[in-house]
């Protein structure tokens, strides 16, 4: 430690909440809409989500669709995996979406999933909770800070396809639970607005000046 006597303060990433908390009304749909937003590389864990689909399809009481937003070098492999498992009908590979258009996808979803193997504090999770979505994710990076277990989402072990499927089945089968967790996500997201983060930096600098 170069400066062992200096205090350490962790200031999180921020999210542009007004973009993701508009007055847009989330319209009910026949299908439960699951959203995955990420670069399509294996580190993001999409392969585990695809592997979970047969189990989800057997136990889900509602029809569901998974929208995959993003592109990347492993996209063809994921498409092949879905074909081999016979689950392609549940997936919609949207491809790259400009960041300005992303709020439309969050606000047209019912829940968000990111079964990643490694993250910092994922902006996509911040954007999902800012949009009022329950989140299913793995205990990597800042996800455990953003997702309160069984309050605004579910943390599942990395690479655990059964746990991932169980969490998604639970949320697919209960609109009431999705709405309850979504409201809690909005409450938590309020502490990650850019205004909140800017105030944290300002207070930190003021404290440093006085020390």
Protein backbone atom coordinates (compact mmCIF):
# COMPACT_ATOMS: atom_id res chain seq x y z
CA UNK A 1 0.00 0.00 0.00
CA UNK A 2 1.67 3.25 -1.13
CA UNK A 3 -0.38 5.51 1.18
CA UNK A 4 -1.37 3.24 4.09
CA UNK A 5 -2.67 6.10 6.24
CA UNK A 6 -5.08 7.53 3.68
CA UNK A 7 -8.77 6.59 4.06
CA UNK A 8 -10.30 4.43 1.37
CA UNK A 9 -13.74 5.24 0.00
CA UNK A 10 -15.44 3.21 -2.70
CA UNK A 11 -17.60 5.31 -5.01
CA UNK A 12 -19.79 3.26 -7.37
CA UNK A 13 -20.51 3.76 -11.04
CA UNK A 14 -23.53 5.87 -11.84
CA UNK A 15 -26.49 5.47 -14.17
CA UNK A 16 -28.40 8.14 -16.07
CA UNK A 17 -31.64 7.37 -14.26
CA UNK A 18 -33.93 9.77 -16.18
CA UNK A 19 -33.17 7.78 -19.36
CA UNK A 20 -34.23 4.53 -17.72
CA UNK A 21 -37.02 5.73 -15.41
CA UNK A 22 -39.25 7.55 -17.86
CA UNK A 23 -43.03 7.58 -17.66
CA UNK A 24 -43.12 4.69 -20.14
CA UNK A 25 -45.66 2.12 -18.96
CA UNK A 26 -44.45 -1.45 -19.14
CA UNK A 27 -47.22 -3.06 -21.17
CA UNK A 28 -48.27 -6.60 -20.29
CA UNK A 29 -47.44 -9.14 -22.98
CA UNK A 30 -48.40 -12.73 -23.60
CA UNK A 31 -44.79 -13.81 -23.20
CA UNK A 32 -42.64 -13.10 -20.15
CA UNK A 33 -39.79 -11.07 -21.64
CA UNK A 34 -36.31 -11.91 -20.36
CA UNK A 35 -33.49 -9.56 -21.35
CA UNK A 36 -29.75 -10.23 -21.67
CA UNK A 37 -27.55 -7.27 -22.71
CA UNK A 38 -23.83 -7.80 -23.22
CA UNK A 39 -20.99 -8.33 -25.62
CA UNK A 40 -21.34 -11.90 -26.83
CA UNK A 41 -18.29 -13.53 -25.32
CA UNK A 42 -18.27 -16.64 -23.16
CA UNK A 43 -17.12 -14.72 -20.08
CA UNK A 44 -20.59 -13.18 -19.94
CA UNK A 45 -22.14 -16.61 -19.36
CA UNK A 46 -24.76 -16.77 -22.09
CA UNK A 47 -23.88 -20.44 -22.61
CA UNK A 48 -25.26 -21.23 -19.13
CA UNK A 49 -28.50 -19.39 -19.88
CA UNK A 50 -28.94 -21.36 -23.10
CA UNK A 51 -28.23 -24.62 -21.24
CA UNK A 52 -30.92 -23.69 -18.70
CA UNK A 53 -33.69 -23.22 -21.29
CA UNK A 54 -34.85 -26.88 -21.53
CA UNK A 55 -35.39 -27.00 -17.75
CA UNK A 56 -37.14 -23.62 -17.81
CA UNK A 57 -39.38 -24.70 -20.68
CA UNK A 58 -40.47 -27.82 -18.77
CA UNK A 59 -41.44 -25.93 -15.59
CA UNK A 60 -42.52 -22.47 -16.72
CA UNK A 61 -46.26 -21.90 -16.43
CA UNK A 62 -46.11 -18.92 -18.76
CA UNK A 63 -44.66 -18.63 -22.27
CA UNK A 64 -41.36 -16.76 -22.31
CA UNK A 65 -38.88 -15.24 -24.72
CA UNK A 66 -35.24 -14.30 -24.16
CA UNK A 67 -33.96 -11.25 -26.04
CA UNK A 68 -30.20 -11.21 -26.56
CA UNK A 69 -28.96 -7.67 -27.19
CA UNK A 70 -25.35 -7.36 -28.31
CA UNK A 71 -22.85 -8.90 -30.69
CA UNK A 72 -19.39 -10.38 -30.41
CA UNK A 73 -17.02 -13.10 -31.57
CA UNK A 74 -18.91 -15.95 -29.88
CA UNK A 75 -22.32 -15.18 -31.35
CA UNK A 76 -22.21 -17.96 -33.96
CA UNK A 77 -21.28 -20.48 -31.28
CA UNK A 78 -24.25 -19.43 -29.13
CA UNK A 79 -26.62 -19.70 -32.09
CA UNK A 80 -25.24 -23.19 -32.81
CA UNK A 81 -25.63 -24.21 -29.16
CA UNK A 82 -29.28 -23.13 -29.17
CA UNK A 83 -29.92 -25.04 -32.41
CA UNK A 84 -28.31 -28.20 -31.04
CA UNK A 85 -30.43 -28.02 -27.87
CA UNK A 86 -33.57 -27.34 -29.87
CA UNK A 87 -34.32 -24.12 -27.98
CA UNK A 88 -33.87 -21.51 -30.73
CA UNK A 89 -37.58 -20.66 -30.67
CA UNK A 90 -37.16 -19.15 -27.19
CA UNK A 91 -34.33 -16.81 -28.24
CA UNK A 92 -34.27 -13.57 -30.19
CA UNK A 93 -30.77 -12.49 -31.19
CA UNK A 94 -31.23 -8.75 -31.67
CA UNK A 95 -27.60 -7.90 -32.41
CA UNK A 96 -25.89 -4.62 -31.67
CA UNK A 97 -28.11 -1.82 -30.37
CA UNK A 98 -26.86 1.75 -30.02
CA UNK A 99 -26.78 2.89 -26.40
CA UNK A 100 -29.35 5.60 -27.12
CA UNK A 101 -31.86 2.88 -28.01
CA UNK A 102 -31.17 0.58 -25.06
CA UNK A 103 -33.81 2.08 -22.73
CA UNK A 104 -36.49 0.82 -25.12
CA UNK A 105 -35.31 -2.75 -24.59
CA UNK A 106 -35.08 -2.47 -20.79
CA UNK A 107 -38.52 -0.89 -20.63
CA UNK A 108 -39.98 -3.63 -22.84
CA UNK A 109 -38.67 -6.42 -20.59
CA UNK A 110 -40.03 -8.14 -17.48
CA UNK A 111 -36.73 -9.28 -15.99
CA UNK A 112 -33.00 -9.13 -16.63
CA UNK A 113 -30.37 -11.85 -16.49
CA UNK A 114 -26.55 -11.79 -16.51
CA UNK A 115 -24.91 -15.12 -15.52
CA UNK A 116 -21.42 -13.69 -15.97
CA UNK A 117 -18.13 -15.26 -14.89
CA UNK A 118 -16.44 -11.92 -14.12
CA UNK A 119 -17.47 -8.25 -13.96
CA UNK A 120 -16.57 -4.94 -12.45
CA UNK A 121 -19.75 -3.12 -11.55
CA UNK A 122 -21.73 -3.95 -14.66
CA UNK A 123 -23.44 -0.91 -16.17
CA UNK A 124 -26.08 -3.18 -17.66
CA UNK A 125 -27.14 -4.28 -14.17
CA UNK A 126 -27.32 -0.63 -13.07
CA UNK A 127 -29.44 0.13 -16.12
CA UNK A 128 -31.69 -2.86 -15.43
CA UNK A 129 -32.43 -1.89 -11.84
CA UNK A 130 -32.88 1.73 -12.94
CA UNK A 131 -35.53 0.46 -15.35
CA UNK A 132 -37.34 -1.30 -12.52
CA UNK A 133 -36.41 -4.86 -13.45
CA UNK A 134 -35.75 -7.79 -11.17
CA UNK A 135 -32.29 -9.19 -11.91
CA UNK A 136 -30.87 -12.72 -11.88
CA UNK A 137 -27.08 -12.62 -11.81
CA UNK A 138 -23.96 -14.26 -10.43
CA UNK A 139 -21.89 -13.05 -7.42
CA UNK A 140 -19.25 -11.22 -9.46
CA UNK A 141 -17.99 -7.66 -9.30
CA UNK A 142 -20.57 -5.22 -7.99
CA UNK A 143 -23.60 -7.45 -8.56
CA UNK A 144 -23.88 -8.40 -4.89
CA UNK A 145 -24.02 -4.71 -4.02
CA UNK A 146 -26.71 -3.94 -6.61
CA UNK A 147 -28.81 -7.06 -6.11
CA UNK A 148 -30.22 -7.73 -2.65
CA UNK A 149 -30.96 -11.42 -2.44
CA UNK A 150 -34.70 -12.07 -2.85
CA UNK A 151 -35.44 -8.34 -2.57
CA UNK A 152 -34.81 -7.03 -6.07
CA UNK A 153 -33.44 -10.17 -7.65
CA UNK A 154 -31.61 -13.44 -7.15
CA UNK A 155 -27.88 -14.13 -6.98
CA UNK A 156 -27.03 -17.62 -8.26
CA UNK A 157 -23.66 -19.42 -8.17
CA UNK A 158 -21.49 -19.06 -11.27
CA UNK A 159 -21.81 -21.90 -13.80
CA UNK A 160 -24.78 -23.38 -11.89
CA UNK A 161 -27.31 -24.05 -14.63
CA UNK A 162 -29.87 -25.61 -12.27
CA UNK A 163 -29.82 -22.64 -9.87
CA UNK A 164 -30.07 -20.24 -12.80
CA UNK A 165 -33.05 -22.15 -14.21
CA UNK A 166 -34.77 -22.30 -10.80
CA UNK A 167 -34.44 -18.54 -10.27
CA UNK A 168 -35.81 -17.74 -13.71
CA UNK A 169 -38.68 -20.23 -13.37
CA UNK A 170 -39.67 -18.64 -10.08
CA UNK A 171 -39.80 -15.19 -11.65
CA UNK A 172 -41.50 -16.31 -14.85
CA UNK A 173 -44.24 -18.00 -12.84
CA UNK A 174 -45.02 -15.02 -10.60
CA UNK A 175 -45.93 -11.64 -12.04
CA UNK A 176 -46.52 -10.41 -8.48
CA UNK A 177 -42.95 -11.29 -7.51
CA UNK A 178 -41.54 -9.62 -10.62
CA UNK A 179 -43.42 -6.42 -9.87
CA UNK A 180 -42.43 -6.44 -6.19
CA UNK A 181 -38.75 -6.95 -7.00
CA UNK A 182 -38.92 -4.38 -9.80
CA UNK A 183 -40.16 -1.70 -7.38
CA UNK A 184 -37.32 -2.54 -5.01
CA UNK A 185 -34.84 -2.25 -7.90
CA UNK A 186 -35.98 1.33 -8.53
CA UNK A 187 -35.49 2.17 -4.85
CA UNK A 188 -31.96 0.78 -4.87
CA UNK A 189 -31.12 2.48 -8.18
CA UNK A 190 -31.86 5.89 -6.66
CA UNK A 191 -28.53 5.60 -4.80
CA UNK A 192 -26.63 5.21 -8.07
CA UNK A 193 -27.81 8.30 -9.94
CA UNK A 194 -25.06 10.51 -11.39
CA UNK A 195 -26.16 13.23 -8.96
CA UNK A 196 -25.61 10.88 -6.04
CA UNK A 197 -22.20 9.78 -7.38
CA UNK A 198 -21.14 13.38 -8.07
CA UNK A 199 -22.04 14.35 -4.50
CA UNK A 200 -19.98 11.42 -3.19
CA UNK A 201 -16.92 12.63 -5.14
CA UNK A 202 -17.45 16.22 -3.96
CA UNK A 203 -17.67 15.16 -0.32
CA UNK A 204 -14.60 12.96 -0.72
CA UNK A 205 -12.52 15.82 -2.20
CA UNK A 206 -13.65 18.19 0.54
CA UNK A 207 -12.60 15.69 3.18
CA UNK A 208 -9.21 15.25 1.52
CA UNK A 209 -8.65 19.01 1.49
CA UNK A 210 -9.30 19.19 5.22
CA UNK A 211 -7.12 16.18 6.11
